[in-house]
């Protein structure tokens, strides 16, 4: 997402204006945490794995488009839920899930 996209999302969802400087500060603060989450090691065993998709509509370039968020959630042997993956795509083809 560009800072302009972030600005528009915050304005649309929360109804507030955020400066470009504030957007940069927030982005710079959370990016290391996102990278750490993405590179964390997985457990050797997950007794349960759930895969699901959430469909929603987004406004992009004055058009309304369908998007999908693919979520893979696992439960550890200790019973703790762990999100393994969140991926945004255009639809829910079976080939996509095979790739997961």
PDB file of N, CA and C in Angstrom:
ATOM      1  N   UNK A   1       0.839  -1.185   0.000  1.00  0.00           N
ATOM      2  CA  UNK A   1       0.000   0.000   0.000  1.00  0.00           C
ATOM      3  C   UNK A   1       0.880   1.243   0.000  1.00  0.00           C
ATOM      4  N   UNK A   2       0.479   2.201  -0.772  1.00  0.00           N
ATOM      5  CA  UNK A   2       1.199   3.468  -0.768  1.00  0.00           C
ATOM      6  C   UNK A   2       0.715   4.306   0.410  1.00  0.00           C
ATOM      7  N   UNK A   3       1.472   5.363   0.734  1.00  0.00           N
ATOM      8  CA  UNK A   3       1.032   6.241   1.824  1.00  0.00           C
ATOM      9  C   UNK A   3      -0.284   6.924   1.465  1.00  0.00           C
ATOM     10  N   UNK A   4      -0.491   7.157   0.176  1.00  0.00           N
ATOM     11  CA  UNK A   4      -1.773   7.746  -0.260  1.00  0.00           C
ATOM     12  C   UNK A   4      -2.920   6.774   0.017  1.00  0.00           C
ATOM     13  N   UNK A   5      -2.694   5.470  -0.254  1.00  0.00           N
ATOM     14  CA  UNK A   5      -3.708   4.454   0.033  1.00  0.00           C
ATOM     15  C   UNK A   5      -4.010   4.408   1.529  1.00  0.00           C
ATOM     16  N   UNK A   6      -2.956   4.450   2.325  1.00  0.00           N
ATOM     17  CA  UNK A   6      -3.123   4.423   3.787  1.00  0.00           C
ATOM     18  C   UNK A   6      -3.926   5.639   4.231  1.00  0.00           C
ATOM     19  N   UNK A   7      -3.567   6.803   3.693  1.00  0.00           N
ATOM     20  CA  UNK A   7      -4.267   8.045   4.034  1.00  0.00           C
ATOM     21  C   UNK A   7      -5.756   7.928   3.710  1.00  0.00           C
ATOM     22  N   UNK A   8      -6.067   7.435   2.525  1.00  0.00           N
ATOM     23  CA  UNK A   8      -7.466   7.295   2.105  1.00  0.00           C
ATOM     24  C   UNK A   8      -8.213   6.276   2.964  1.00  0.00           C
ATOM     25  N   UNK A   9      -7.555   5.177   3.303  1.00  0.00           N
ATOM     26  CA  UNK A   9      -8.195   4.154   4.139  1.00  0.00           C
ATOM     27  C   UNK A   9      -8.523   4.708   5.520  1.00  0.00           C
ATOM     28  N   UNK A  10      -7.581   5.406   6.126  1.00  0.00           N
ATOM     29  CA  UNK A  10      -7.813   5.974   7.464  1.00  0.00           C
ATOM     30  C   UNK A  10      -8.937   7.002   7.408  1.00  0.00           C
ATOM     31  N   UNK A  11      -8.921   7.818   6.370  1.00  0.00           N
ATOM     32  CA  UNK A  11      -9.966   8.833   6.221  1.00  0.00           C
ATOM     33  C   UNK A  11     -11.332   8.176   6.045  1.00  0.00           C
ATOM     34  N   UNK A  12     -11.394   7.134   5.197  1.00  0.00           N
ATOM     35  CA  UNK A  12     -12.673   6.473   4.929  1.00  0.00           C
ATOM     36  C   UNK A  12     -13.189   5.693   6.138  1.00  0.00           C
ATOM     37  N   UNK A  13     -12.301   4.971   6.805  1.00  0.00           N
ATOM     38  CA  UNK A  13     -12.730   4.115   7.916  1.00  0.00           C
ATOM     39  C   UNK A  13     -12.999   4.916   9.186  1.00  0.00           C
ATOM     40  N   UNK A  14     -12.060   5.825   9.531  1.00  0.00           N
ATOM     41  CA  UNK A  14     -12.153   6.523  10.814  1.00  0.00           C
ATOM     42  C   UNK A  14     -12.630   7.968  10.702  1.00  0.00           C
ATOM     43  N   UNK A  15     -12.649   8.509   9.466  1.00  0.00           N
ATOM     44  CA  UNK A  15     -13.115   9.877   9.282  1.00  0.00           C
ATOM     45  C   UNK A  15     -12.152  10.930   9.781  1.00  0.00           C
ATOM     46  N   UNK A  16     -10.855  10.583   9.850  1.00  0.00           N
ATOM     47  CA  UNK A  16      -9.857  11.554  10.319  1.00  0.00           C
ATOM     48  C   UNK A  16      -8.766  11.736   9.272  1.00  0.00           C
ATOM     49  N   UNK A  17      -8.143  12.875   9.312  1.00  0.00           N
ATOM     50  CA  UNK A  17      -7.013  13.176   8.437  1.00  0.00           C
ATOM     51  C   UNK A  17      -5.725  12.899   9.203  1.00  0.00           C
ATOM     52  N   UNK A  18      -4.801  12.202   8.580  1.00  0.00           N
ATOM     53  CA  UNK A  18      -3.505  11.904   9.188  1.00  0.00           C
ATOM     54  C   UNK A  18      -2.437  12.472   8.263  1.00  0.00           C
ATOM     55  N   UNK A  19      -1.477  13.151   8.848  1.00  0.00           N
ATOM     56  CA  UNK A  19      -0.418  13.755   8.036  1.00  0.00           C
ATOM     57  C   UNK A  19       0.483  12.682   7.445  1.00  0.00           C
ATOM     58  N   UNK A  20       1.173  13.031   6.364  1.00  0.00           N
ATOM     59  CA  UNK A  20       2.109  12.107   5.728  1.00  0.00           C
ATOM     60  C   UNK A  20       3.220  11.732   6.696  1.00  0.00           C
ATOM     61  N   UNK A  21       3.635  12.678   7.532  1.00  0.00           N
ATOM     62  CA  UNK A  21       4.679  12.405   8.530  1.00  0.00           C
ATOM     63  C   UNK A  21       4.215  11.359   9.534  1.00  0.00           C
ATOM     64  N   UNK A  22       2.962  11.487   9.983  1.00  0.00           N
ATOM     65  CA  UNK A  22       2.419  10.516  10.944  1.00  0.00           C
ATOM     66  C   UNK A  22       2.294   9.141  10.294  1.00  0.00           C
ATOM     67  N   UNK A  23       1.843   9.091   9.046  1.00  0.00           N
ATOM     68  CA  UNK A  23       1.741   7.813   8.332  1.00  0.00           C
ATOM     69  C   UNK A  23       3.105   7.147   8.240  1.00  0.00           C
ATOM     70  N   UNK A  24       4.135   7.908   7.922  1.00  0.00           N
ATOM     71  CA  UNK A  24       5.490   7.366   7.815  1.00  0.00           C
ATOM     72  C   UNK A  24       5.976   6.841   9.159  1.00  0.00           C
ATOM     73  N   UNK A  25       5.707   7.581  10.219  1.00  0.00           N
ATOM     74  CA  UNK A  25       6.127   7.148  11.561  1.00  0.00           C
ATOM     75  C   UNK A  25       5.457   5.830  11.942  1.00  0.00           C
ATOM     76  N   UNK A  26       4.148   5.739  11.680  1.00  0.00           N
ATOM     77  CA  UNK A  26       3.420   4.506  12.013  1.00  0.00           C
ATOM     78  C   UNK A  26       3.944   3.343  11.181  1.00  0.00           C
ATOM     79  N   UNK A  27       4.092   3.566   9.874  1.00  0.00           N
ATOM     80  CA  UNK A  27       4.578   2.518   8.975  1.00  0.00           C
ATOM     81  C   UNK A  27       5.968   2.051   9.385  1.00  0.00           C
ATOM     82  N   UNK A  28       6.867   2.992   9.662  1.00  0.00           N
ATOM     83  CA  UNK A  28       8.229   2.639  10.065  1.00  0.00           C
ATOM     84  C   UNK A  28       8.250   1.882  11.386  1.00  0.00           C
ATOM     85  N   UNK A  29       7.279   2.142  12.246  1.00  0.00           N
ATOM     86  CA  UNK A  29       7.210   1.468  13.546  1.00  0.00           C
ATOM     87  C   UNK A  29       6.735   0.013  13.393  1.00  0.00           C
ATOM     88  N   UNK A  30       5.745  -0.229  12.521  1.00  0.00           N
ATOM     89  CA  UNK A  30       5.172  -1.578  12.452  1.00  0.00           C
ATOM     90  C   UNK A  30       5.853  -2.491  11.429  1.00  0.00           C
ATOM     91  N   UNK A  31       6.553  -1.930  10.437  1.00  0.00           N
ATOM     92  CA  UNK A  31       7.196  -2.774   9.429  1.00  0.00           C
ATOM     93  C   UNK A  31       8.167  -3.799  10.015  1.00  0.00           C
ATOM     94  N   UNK A  32       9.031  -3.430  10.982  1.00  0.00           N
ATOM     95  CA  UNK A  32       9.917  -4.447  11.561  1.00  0.00           C
ATOM     96  C   UNK A  32       9.150  -5.583  12.247  1.00  0.00           C
ATOM     97  N   UNK A  33       8.028  -5.257  12.878  1.00  0.00           N
ATOM     98  CA  UNK A  33       7.227  -6.293  13.529  1.00  0.00           C
ATOM     99  C   UNK A  33       6.578  -7.212  12.494  1.00  0.00           C
ATOM    100  N   UNK A  34       6.151  -6.647  11.390  1.00  0.00           N
ATOM    101  CA  UNK A  34       5.565  -7.463  10.321  1.00  0.00           C
ATOM    102  C   UNK A  34       6.618  -8.394   9.741  1.00  0.00           C
ATOM    103  N   UNK A  35       7.811  -7.863   9.478  1.00  0.00           N
ATOM    104  CA  UNK A  35       8.900  -8.684   8.920  1.00  0.00           C
ATOM    105  C   UNK A  35       9.270  -9.808   9.884  1.00  0.00           C
ATOM    106  N   UNK A  36       9.309  -9.501  11.177  1.00  0.00           N
ATOM    107  CA  UNK A  36       9.619 -10.516  12.190  1.00  0.00           C
ATOM    108  C   UNK A  36       8.557 -11.620  12.189  1.00  0.00           C
ATOM    109  N   UNK A  37       7.273 -11.225  12.124  1.00  0.00           N
ATOM    110  CA  UNK A  37       6.185 -12.195  12.091  1.00  0.00           C
ATOM    111  C   UNK A  37       6.286 -13.069  10.846  1.00  0.00           C
ATOM    112  N   UNK A  38       6.587 -12.468   9.702  1.00  0.00           N
ATOM    113  CA  UNK A  38       6.665 -13.217   8.448  1.00  0.00           C
ATOM    114  C   UNK A  38       7.827 -14.201   8.430  1.00  0.00           C
ATOM    115  N   UNK A  39       8.886 -13.938   9.164  1.00  0.00           N
ATOM    116  CA  UNK A  39      10.071 -14.802   9.121  1.00  0.00           C
ATOM    117  C   UNK A  39      10.189 -15.721  10.345  1.00  0.00           C
ATOM    118  N   UNK A  40       9.162 -15.768  11.189  1.00  0.00           N
ATOM    119  CA  UNK A  40       9.227 -16.614  12.378  1.00  0.00           C
ATOM    120  C   UNK A  40       9.214 -18.092  11.977  1.00  0.00           C
ATOM    121  N   UNK A  41       9.809 -18.940  12.782  1.00  0.00           N
ATOM    122  CA  UNK A  41       9.791 -20.375  12.453  1.00  0.00           C
ATOM    123  C   UNK A  41       8.417 -20.987  12.778  1.00  0.00           C
ATOM    124  N   UNK A  42       8.026 -21.980  11.997  1.00  0.00           N
ATOM    125  CA  UNK A  42       6.787 -22.696  12.256  1.00  0.00           C
ATOM    126  C   UNK A  42       7.067 -23.858  13.204  1.00  0.00           C
ATOM    127  N   UNK A  43       6.022 -24.298  13.903  1.00  0.00           N
ATOM    128  CA  UNK A  43       6.136 -25.498  14.734  1.00  0.00           C
ATOM    129  C   UNK A  43       6.267 -26.714  13.828  1.00  0.00           C
ATOM    130  N   UNK A  44       6.826 -27.776  14.360  1.00  0.00           N
ATOM    131  CA  UNK A  44       6.963 -29.004  13.574  1.00  0.00           C
ATOM    132  C   UNK A  44       5.611 -29.681  13.358  1.00  0.00           C
ATOM    133  N   UNK A  45       4.695 -29.531  14.342  1.00  0.00           N
ATOM    134  CA  UNK A  45       3.390 -30.199  14.270  1.00  0.00           C
ATOM    135  C   UNK A  45       2.281 -29.207  14.629  1.00  0.00           C
ATOM    136  N   UNK A  46       1.237 -29.211  13.807  1.00  0.00           N
ATOM    137  CA  UNK A  46      -0.008 -28.492  14.091  1.00  0.00           C
ATOM    138  C   UNK A  46      -1.126 -29.528  13.959  1.00  0.00           C
ATOM    139  N   UNK A  47      -1.777 -29.906  15.068  1.00  0.00           N
ATOM    140  CA  UNK A  47      -2.830 -30.915  14.991  1.00  0.00           C
ATOM    141  C   UNK A  47      -4.026 -30.497  14.119  1.00  0.00           C
ATOM    142  N   UNK A  48      -4.310 -29.197  14.089  1.00  0.00           N
ATOM    143  CA  UNK A  48      -5.436 -28.699  13.308  1.00  0.00           C
ATOM    144  C   UNK A  48      -5.005 -27.498  12.484  1.00  0.00           C
ATOM    145  N   UNK A  49      -5.426 -27.493  11.225  1.00  0.00           N
ATOM    146  CA  UNK A  49      -5.178 -26.348  10.348  1.00  0.00           C
ATOM    147  C   UNK A  49      -6.497 -25.998   9.670  1.00  0.00           C
ATOM    148  N   UNK A  50      -6.857 -24.726   9.729  1.00  0.00           N
ATOM    149  CA  UNK A  50      -8.077 -24.223   9.114  1.00  0.00           C
ATOM    150  C   UNK A  50      -7.699 -23.242   8.013  1.00  0.00           C
ATOM    151  N   UNK A  51      -8.345 -23.371   6.865  1.00  0.00           N
ATOM    152  CA  UNK A  51      -8.126 -22.449   5.760  1.00  0.00           C
ATOM    153  C   UNK A  51      -9.470 -21.851   5.377  1.00  0.00           C
ATOM    154  N   UNK A  52      -9.486 -20.529   5.245  1.00  0.00           N
ATOM    155  CA  UNK A  52     -10.735 -19.865   4.909  1.00  0.00           C
ATOM    156  C   UNK A  52     -10.438 -18.611   4.099  1.00  0.00           C
ATOM    157  N   UNK A  53     -11.484 -18.098   3.484  1.00  0.00           N
ATOM    158  CA  UNK A  53     -11.369 -16.891   2.680  1.00  0.00           C
ATOM    159  C   UNK A  53     -12.459 -15.917   3.073  1.00  0.00           C
ATOM    160  N   UNK A  54     -12.099 -14.662   3.155  1.00  0.00           N
ATOM    161  CA  UNK A  54     -13.066 -13.600   3.393  1.00  0.00           C
ATOM    162  C   UNK A  54     -13.118 -12.769   2.120  1.00  0.00           C
ATOM    163  N   UNK A  55     -14.307 -12.619   1.559  1.00  0.00           N
ATOM    164  CA  UNK A  55     -14.481 -11.824   0.345  1.00  0.00           C
ATOM    165  C   UNK A  55     -14.995 -10.446   0.725  1.00  0.00           C
ATOM    166  N   UNK A  56     -14.502  -9.435   0.045  1.00  0.00           N
ATOM    167  CA  UNK A  56     -14.943  -8.073   0.293  1.00  0.00           C
ATOM    168  C   UNK A  56     -14.758  -7.245  -0.970  1.00  0.00           C
ATOM    169  N   UNK A  57     -15.334  -6.074  -0.966  1.00  0.00           N
ATOM    170  CA  UNK A  57     -15.234  -5.169  -2.115  1.00  0.00           C
ATOM    171  C   UNK A  57     -14.344  -3.996  -1.723  1.00  0.00           C
ATOM    172  N   UNK A  58     -13.501  -3.555  -2.667  1.00  0.00           N
ATOM    173  CA  UNK A  58     -12.627  -2.410  -2.438  1.00  0.00           C
ATOM    174  C   UNK A  58     -12.818  -1.401  -3.562  1.00  0.00           C
ATOM    175  N   UNK A  59     -12.594  -0.151  -3.230  1.00  0.00           N
ATOM    176  CA  UNK A  59     -12.640   0.901  -4.237  1.00  0.00           C
ATOM    177  C   UNK A  59     -11.214   1.153  -4.694  1.00  0.00           C
ATOM    178  N   UNK A  60     -10.990   1.029  -5.988  1.00  0.00           N
ATOM    179  CA  UNK A  60      -9.660   1.230  -6.552  1.00  0.00           C
ATOM    180  C   UNK A  60      -9.807   1.950  -7.884  1.00  0.00           C
ATOM    181  N   UNK A  61      -9.190   3.106  -8.010  1.00  0.00           N
ATOM    182  CA  UNK A  61      -9.275   3.902  -9.236  1.00  0.00           C
ATOM    183  C   UNK A  61     -10.720   4.125  -9.671  1.00  0.00           C
ATOM    184  N   UNK A  62     -11.547   4.542  -8.742  1.00  0.00           N
ATOM    185  CA  UNK A  62     -12.955   4.859  -8.985  1.00  0.00           C
ATOM    186  C   UNK A  62     -13.775   3.655  -9.447  1.00  0.00           C
ATOM    187  N   UNK A  63     -13.266   2.436  -9.190  1.00  0.00           N
ATOM    188  CA  UNK A  63     -14.010   1.212  -9.508  1.00  0.00           C
ATOM    189  C   UNK A  63     -14.161   0.384  -8.242  1.00  0.00           C
ATOM    190  N   UNK A  64     -15.205  -0.415  -8.201  1.00  0.00           N
ATOM    191  CA  UNK A  64     -15.396  -1.348  -7.087  1.00  0.00           C
ATOM    192  C   UNK A  64     -14.947  -2.723  -7.571  1.00  0.00           C
ATOM    193  N   UNK A  65     -13.979  -3.315  -6.857  1.00  0.00           N
ATOM    194  CA  UNK A  65     -13.414  -4.605  -7.241  1.00  0.00           C
ATOM    195  C   UNK A  65     -13.622  -5.633  -6.142  1.00  0.00           C
ATOM    196  N   UNK A  66     -13.734  -6.900  -6.519  1.00  0.00           N
ATOM    197  CA  UNK A  66     -13.814  -7.992  -5.549  1.00  0.00           C
ATOM    198  C   UNK A  66     -12.409  -8.419  -5.176  1.00  0.00           C
ATOM    199  N   UNK A  67     -12.179  -8.612  -3.895  1.00  0.00           N
ATOM    200  CA  UNK A  67     -10.907  -9.108  -3.393  1.00  0.00           C
ATOM    201  C   UNK A  67     -11.185 -10.219  -2.388  1.00  0.00           C
ATOM    202  N   UNK A  68     -10.176 -10.995  -2.122  1.00  0.00           N
ATOM    203  CA  UNK A  68     -10.297 -12.083  -1.153  1.00  0.00           C
ATOM    204  C   UNK A  68      -9.071 -12.078  -0.255  1.00  0.00           C
ATOM    205  N   UNK A  69      -9.285 -12.336   1.020  1.00  0.00           N
ATOM    206  CA  UNK A  69      -8.188 -12.510   1.963  1.00  0.00           C
ATOM    207  C   UNK A  69      -8.165 -13.976   2.359  1.00  0.00           C
ATOM    208  N   UNK A  70      -7.082 -14.649   2.021  1.00  0.00           N
ATOM    209  CA  UNK A  70      -6.903 -16.076   2.330  1.00  0.00           C
ATOM    210  C   UNK A  70      -6.195 -16.180   3.672  1.00  0.00           C
ATOM    211  N   UNK A  71      -6.780 -16.928   4.591  1.00  0.00           N
ATOM    212  CA  UNK A  71      -6.229 -17.044   5.933  1.00  0.00           C
ATOM    213  C   UNK A  71      -5.988 -18.515   6.253  1.00  0.00           C
ATOM    214  N   UNK A  72      -4.793 -18.795   6.758  1.00  0.00           N
ATOM    215  CA  UNK A  72      -4.460 -20.138   7.234  1.00  0.00           C
ATOM    216  C   UNK A  72      -4.197 -20.015   8.729  1.00  0.00           C
ATOM    217  N   UNK A  73      -5.053 -20.667   9.515  1.00  0.00           N
ATOM    218  CA  UNK A  73      -4.958 -20.633  10.962  1.00  0.00           C
ATOM    219  C   UNK A  73      -4.674 -22.035  11.459  1.00  0.00           C
ATOM    220  N   UNK A  74      -3.729 -22.168  12.362  1.00  0.00           N
ATOM    221  CA  UNK A  74      -3.383 -23.473  12.916  1.00  0.00           C
ATOM    222  C   UNK A  74      -3.549 -23.444  14.430  1.00  0.00           C
ATOM    223  N   UNK A  75      -3.716 -24.623  14.992  1.00  0.00           N
ATOM    224  CA  UNK A  75      -3.768 -24.775  16.442  1.00  0.00           C
ATOM    225  C   UNK A  75      -2.569 -25.615  16.851  1.00  0.00           C
ATOM    226  N   UNK A  76      -1.803 -25.115  17.802  1.00  0.00           N
ATOM    227  CA  UNK A  76      -0.612 -25.845  18.267  1.00  0.00           C
ATOM    228  C   UNK A  76      -1.021 -27.001  19.174  1.00  0.00           C
ATOM    229  N   UNK A  77      -0.068 -27.857  19.510  1.00  0.00           N
ATOM    230  CA  UNK A  77      -0.352 -28.969  20.424  1.00  0.00           C
ATOM    231  C   UNK A  77      -0.728 -28.458  21.808  1.00  0.00           C
ATOM    232  N   UNK A  78      -0.366 -27.210  22.123  1.00  0.00           N
ATOM    233  CA  UNK A  78      -0.728 -26.589  23.404  1.00  0.00           C
ATOM    234  C   UNK A  78      -2.092 -25.907  23.342  1.00  0.00           C
ATOM    235  N   UNK A  79      -2.754 -25.963  22.184  1.00  0.00           N
ATOM    236  CA  UNK A  79      -4.076 -25.368  22.033  1.00  0.00           C
ATOM    237  C   UNK A  79      -4.058 -23.882  21.701  1.00  0.00           C
ATOM    238  N   UNK A  80      -2.913 -23.357  21.311  1.00  0.00           N
ATOM    239  CA  UNK A  80      -2.790 -21.937  20.980  1.00  0.00           C
ATOM    240  C   UNK A  80      -3.026 -21.736  19.489  1.00  0.00           C
ATOM    241  N   UNK A  81      -3.866 -20.769  19.148  1.00  0.00           N
ATOM    242  CA  UNK A  81      -4.124 -20.458  17.738  1.00  0.00           C
ATOM    243  C   UNK A  81      -2.960 -19.642  17.182  1.00  0.00           C
ATOM    244  N   UNK A  82      -2.564 -19.967  15.973  1.00  0.00           N
ATOM    245  CA  UNK A  82      -1.442 -19.293  15.325  1.00  0.00           C
ATOM    246  C   UNK A  82      -1.815 -19.033  13.869  1.00  0.00           C
ATOM    247  N   UNK A  83      -1.824 -17.784  13.462  1.00  0.00           N
ATOM    248  CA  UNK A  83      -2.091 -17.471  12.062  1.00  0.00           C
ATOM    249  C   UNK A  83      -0.816 -17.718  11.284  1.00  0.00           C
ATOM    250  N   UNK A  84      -0.879 -18.647  10.348  1.00  0.00           N
ATOM    251  CA  UNK A  84       0.297 -19.001   9.562  1.00  0.00           C
ATOM    252  C   UNK A  84       0.456 -18.121   8.334  1.00  0.00           C
ATOM    253  N   UNK A  85      -0.671 -17.663   7.786  1.00  0.00           N
ATOM    254  CA  UNK A  85      -0.585 -16.881   6.565  1.00  0.00           C
ATOM    255  C   UNK A  85      -1.828 -16.031   6.379  1.00  0.00           C
ATOM    256  N   UNK A  86      -1.617 -14.828   5.871  1.00  0.00           N
ATOM    257  CA  UNK A  86      -2.695 -13.958   5.414  1.00  0.00           C
ATOM    258  C   UNK A  86      -2.253 -13.451   4.048  1.00  0.00           C
ATOM    259  N   UNK A  87      -3.026 -13.773   3.018  1.00  0.00           N
ATOM    260  CA  UNK A  87      -2.667 -13.403   1.653  1.00  0.00           C
ATOM    261  C   UNK A  87      -3.873 -12.769   0.981  1.00  0.00           C
ATOM    262  N   UNK A  88      -3.660 -11.692   0.258  1.00  0.00           N
ATOM    263  CA  UNK A  88      -4.745 -11.027  -0.452  1.00  0.00           C
ATOM    264  C   UNK A  88      -4.679 -11.397  -1.925  1.00  0.00           C
ATOM    265  N   UNK A  89      -5.828 -11.764  -2.486  1.00  0.00           N
ATOM    266  CA  UNK A  89      -5.896 -12.145  -3.884  1.00  0.00           C
ATOM    267  C   UNK A  89      -7.198 -11.688  -4.511  1.00  0.00           C
ATOM    268  N   UNK A  90      -7.468 -12.163  -5.704  1.00  0.00           N
ATOM    269  CA  UNK A  90      -8.654 -11.712  -6.424  1.00  0.00           C
ATOM    270  C   UNK A  90      -9.836 -12.661  -6.315  1.00  0.00           C
ATOM    271  N   UNK A  91      -9.597 -13.950  -6.099  1.00  0.00           N
ATOM    272  CA  UNK A  91     -10.704 -14.898  -5.971  1.00  0.00           C
ATOM    273  C   UNK A  91     -10.225 -16.111  -5.191  1.00  0.00           C
ATOM    274  N   UNK A  92     -10.990 -17.203  -5.204  1.00  0.00           N
ATOM    275  CA  UNK A  92     -10.649 -18.374  -4.396  1.00  0.00           C
ATOM    276  C   UNK A  92     -10.505 -19.622  -5.272  1.00  0.00           C
ATOM    277  N   UNK A  93      -9.514 -19.664  -6.143  1.00  0.00           N
ATOM    278  CA  UNK A  93      -9.347 -20.860  -6.972  1.00  0.00           C
ATOM    279  C   UNK A  93      -8.722 -21.993  -6.165  1.00  0.00           C
ATOM    280  N   UNK A  94      -9.088 -23.202  -6.515  1.00  0.00           N
ATOM    281  CA  UNK A  94      -8.525 -24.359  -5.804  1.00  0.00           C
ATOM    282  C   UNK A  94      -7.013 -24.445  -5.997  1.00  0.00           C
ATOM    283  N   UNK A  95      -6.512 -23.996  -7.146  1.00  0.00           N
ATOM    284  CA  UNK A  95      -5.061 -24.025  -7.375  1.00  0.00           C
ATOM    285  C   UNK A  95      -4.326 -23.136  -6.387  1.00  0.00           C
ATOM    286  N   UNK A  96      -4.953 -22.036  -5.977  1.00  0.00           N
ATOM    287  CA  UNK A  96      -4.320 -21.172  -4.990  1.00  0.00           C
ATOM    288  C   UNK A  96      -4.110 -21.921  -3.688  1.00  0.00           C
ATOM    289  N   UNK A  97      -5.150 -22.629  -3.218  1.00  0.00           N
ATOM    290  CA  UNK A  97      -5.051 -23.367  -1.969  1.00  0.00           C
ATOM    291  C   UNK A  97      -4.017 -24.490  -2.074  1.00  0.00           C
ATOM    292  N   UNK A  98      -3.906 -25.126  -3.222  1.00  0.00           N
ATOM    293  CA  UNK A  98      -2.888 -26.172  -3.398  1.00  0.00           C
ATOM    294  C   UNK A  98      -1.493 -25.586  -3.217  1.00  0.00           C
ATOM    295  N   UNK A  99      -1.309 -24.350  -3.637  1.00  0.00           N
ATOM    296  CA  UNK A  99      -0.024 -23.688  -3.475  1.00  0.00           C
ATOM    297  C   UNK A  99       0.313 -23.311  -2.052  1.00  0.00           C
ATOM    298  N   UNK A 100      -0.711 -23.225  -1.226  1.00  0.00           N
ATOM    299  CA  UNK A 100      -0.488 -22.867   0.171  1.00  0.00           C
ATOM    300  C   UNK A 100       0.143 -24.039   0.902  1.00  0.00           C
TER     301      UNK A 100
END
